Amino acid sequence: MVTVKCPTRAVPAVLMLLVVGCGSTSTTTQSQSSSPSAESTASSSAGGPSSSEPAPPTPANADRTTVDITIANGAVTPTNGQATASVGKPIVLQVASDTADQLHVHSVPEHTFSIKPRPDQSFEFTVDVPGQVDVELHDLNRTVVTIQVRP
């Protein structure tokens, strides 16, 4: 049998190193484990709910059809465009023009609008009978848009 003699001072010193080492390790582990959860909480609250919720519809635009029309240097945009609308709901023609002309709407009831050479003109009307409605420029003799009006 082998007998090992340990000095009495060595035992407390070794125990102290083990305690300090364990304490330091647990503190480091604690701070590392708390940081990721704090970061994930911040990122989920910053981008989570707002990115998953759809934007609410705009009520003013849901009940109307708007057609933007530009007349410049004899060119018309759109030409032979397509749009859809509903019976009794407003249809708005937003016009910017560098020349005078007339818009004629072939609908029931029919509508005629005088265009002046200026930007930001707005003409609003409704259609009472479903079907195909052509919007034409009188002087330039062009179909701007055909609107399918649904019941």
Protein backbone atom coordinates (compact mmCIF):
# COMPACT_ATOMS: atom_id res chain seq x y z
CA MET A 1 0.00 0.00 0.00
CA VAL A 2 1.16 3.47 -0.95
CA THR A 3 0.67 6.39 1.34
CA VAL A 4 0.62 9.96 0.03
CA LYS A 5 1.06 12.79 2.35
CA CYS A 6 -0.56 16.12 1.35
CA PRO A 7 0.39 19.30 3.05
CA THR A 8 -2.59 20.76 4.87
CA ARG A 9 -2.16 24.14 3.18
CA ALA A 10 -2.53 22.67 -0.35
CA VAL A 11 -6.07 21.36 0.14
CA PRO A 12 -7.71 24.74 0.90
CA ALA A 13 -5.82 26.35 -1.99
CA VAL A 14 -7.04 23.71 -4.47
CA LEU A 15 -10.64 23.97 -3.23
CA MET A 16 -10.52 27.74 -3.58
CA LEU A 17 -9.37 27.50 -7.20
CA LEU A 18 -12.19 25.08 -8.01
CA VAL A 19 -14.81 27.35 -6.45
CA VAL A 20 -13.49 30.49 -8.19
CA GLY A 21 -13.25 28.65 -11.50
CA CYS A 22 -16.81 27.34 -11.26
CA GLY A 23 -18.19 30.70 -10.17
CA SER A 24 -16.52 32.50 -13.05
CA THR A 25 -17.76 29.93 -15.54
CA SER A 26 -21.33 30.14 -14.35
CA THR A 27 -21.29 33.95 -14.56
CA THR A 28 -20.01 33.82 -18.13
CA THR A 29 -22.56 31.19 -19.09
CA GLN A 30 -25.32 33.23 -17.50
CA SER A 31 -24.46 36.41 -19.40
CA GLN A 32 -24.08 34.54 -22.68
CA SER A 33 -27.41 32.81 -22.27
CA SER A 34 -29.23 36.01 -21.36
CA SER A 35 -27.84 38.06 -24.30
CA PRO A 36 -29.30 35.95 -27.11
CA SER A 37 -32.73 35.92 -25.55
CA ALA A 38 -32.62 39.69 -25.12
CA GLU A 39 -31.58 40.10 -28.76
CA SER A 40 -34.21 37.71 -30.05
CA THR A 41 -36.87 39.49 -28.00
CA ALA A 42 -35.80 42.84 -29.44
CA SER A 43 -35.76 41.58 -33.02
CA SER A 44 -39.10 39.81 -32.73
CA SER A 45 -40.80 42.84 -31.22
CA ALA A 46 -39.23 45.20 -33.77
CA GLY A 47 -40.12 43.27 -36.91
CA GLY A 48 -42.58 40.57 -35.89
CA PRO A 49 -46.08 41.96 -35.51
CA SER A 50 -45.81 44.88 -37.94
CA SER A 51 -44.46 42.80 -40.83
CA SER A 52 -47.06 40.04 -40.48
CA GLU A 53 -50.11 42.31 -40.36
CA PRO A 54 -51.55 43.31 -43.77
CA ALA A 55 -52.04 46.98 -44.51
CA PRO A 56 -55.66 48.06 -44.12
CA PRO A 57 -57.47 48.92 -47.37
CA THR A 58 -58.03 52.57 -48.13
CA PRO A 59 -61.80 53.12 -48.03
CA ALA A 60 -61.74 56.17 -50.33
CA ASN A 61 -60.02 54.24 -53.13
CA ALA A 62 -62.07 51.06 -52.70
CA ASP A 63 -65.29 52.71 -53.93
CA ARG A 64 -63.95 54.53 -56.99
CA THR A 65 -62.06 54.00 -60.22
CA THR A 66 -59.41 56.57 -61.13
CA VAL A 67 -57.84 56.94 -64.57
CA ASP A 68 -54.78 59.19 -64.99
CA ILE A 69 -54.66 60.83 -68.43
CA THR A 70 -51.78 62.86 -69.89
CA ILE A 71 -51.96 64.83 -73.12
CA ALA A 72 -48.60 66.26 -74.21
CA ASN A 73 -47.32 67.28 -77.66
CA GLY A 74 -50.21 65.48 -79.39
CA ALA A 75 -49.55 62.17 -77.57
CA VAL A 76 -52.15 60.68 -75.23
CA THR A 77 -51.39 58.36 -72.33
CA PRO A 78 -53.09 55.95 -72.01
CA THR A 79 -54.40 55.15 -75.48
CA ASN A 80 -56.80 52.19 -75.67
CA GLY A 81 -56.33 51.57 -71.93
CA GLN A 82 -58.51 49.20 -69.91
CA ALA A 83 -60.20 49.74 -66.54
CA THR A 84 -63.03 48.27 -64.45
CA ALA A 85 -65.70 50.00 -62.39
CA SER A 86 -69.04 49.31 -60.71
CA VAL A 87 -72.48 50.72 -61.49
CA GLY A 88 -73.22 53.79 -59.38
CA LYS A 89 -69.64 54.10 -58.05
CA PRO A 90 -67.56 57.19 -58.88
CA ILE A 91 -65.21 57.14 -61.85
CA VAL A 92 -62.58 59.90 -61.77
CA LEU A 93 -60.58 61.08 -64.75
CA GLN A 94 -57.41 62.92 -63.62
CA VAL A 95 -56.15 64.95 -66.57
CA ALA A 96 -52.95 66.87 -67.26
CA SER A 97 -52.95 68.50 -70.69
CA ASP A 98 -50.95 70.99 -72.72
CA THR A 99 -53.89 71.62 -75.09
CA ALA A 100 -57.65 72.16 -74.99
CA ASP A 101 -59.90 69.24 -76.00
CA GLN A 102 -63.10 67.46 -74.98
CA LEU A 103 -63.50 64.10 -73.26
CA HIS A 104 -66.62 62.25 -74.30
CA VAL A 105 -67.87 59.33 -72.17
CA HIS A 106 -70.13 56.91 -74.08
CA SER A 107 -72.24 55.67 -71.18
CA VAL A 108 -75.75 55.83 -69.78
CA PRO A 109 -75.96 58.67 -68.99
CA GLU A 110 -73.42 60.20 -71.41
CA HIS A 111 -70.88 62.75 -70.15
CA THR A 112 -68.78 65.44 -71.84
CA PHE A 113 -65.92 67.28 -70.13
CA SER A 114 -63.98 70.31 -71.43
CA ILE A 115 -60.23 69.97 -70.98
CA LYS A 116 -58.10 73.07 -70.56
CA PRO A 117 -54.35 73.32 -71.14
CA ARG A 118 -53.29 72.84 -67.51
CA PRO A 119 -52.38 70.09 -65.00
CA ASP A 120 -54.50 68.71 -62.15
CA GLN A 121 -57.95 68.61 -63.76
CA SER A 122 -60.41 66.18 -62.23
CA PHE A 123 -63.70 64.98 -63.74
CA GLU A 124 -66.00 62.65 -61.79
CA PHE A 125 -69.07 60.77 -63.02
CA THR A 126 -71.06 57.59 -62.44
CA VAL A 127 -72.53 55.05 -64.83
CA ASP A 128 -76.04 53.66 -64.31
CA VAL A 129 -76.03 50.76 -66.81
CA PRO A 130 -73.43 47.96 -66.80
CA GLY A 131 -71.41 47.32 -69.93
CA GLN A 132 -68.48 48.67 -71.92
CA VAL A 133 -67.87 52.43 -71.67
CA ASP A 134 -65.48 54.18 -74.07
CA VAL A 135 -63.81 57.45 -73.06
CA GLU A 136 -62.65 59.38 -76.14
CA LEU A 137 -60.85 62.62 -76.91
CA HIS A 138 -62.89 64.61 -79.45
CA ASP A 139 -60.23 66.79 -81.15
CA LEU A 140 -57.41 64.22 -81.09
CA ASN A 141 -59.89 61.50 -82.12
CA ARG A 142 -58.45 58.86 -79.77
CA THR A 143 -59.97 56.28 -77.44
CA VAL A 144 -58.26 56.91 -74.11
CA VAL A 145 -59.73 54.06 -72.06
CA THR A 146 -62.45 51.43 -72.21
CA ILE A 147 -64.09 50.84 -68.83
CA GLN A 148 -65.87 47.57 -68.07
CA VAL A 149 -68.72 48.61 -65.76
CA ARG A 150 -70.04 45.73 -63.67
CA PRO A 151 -73.33 45.53 -61.74
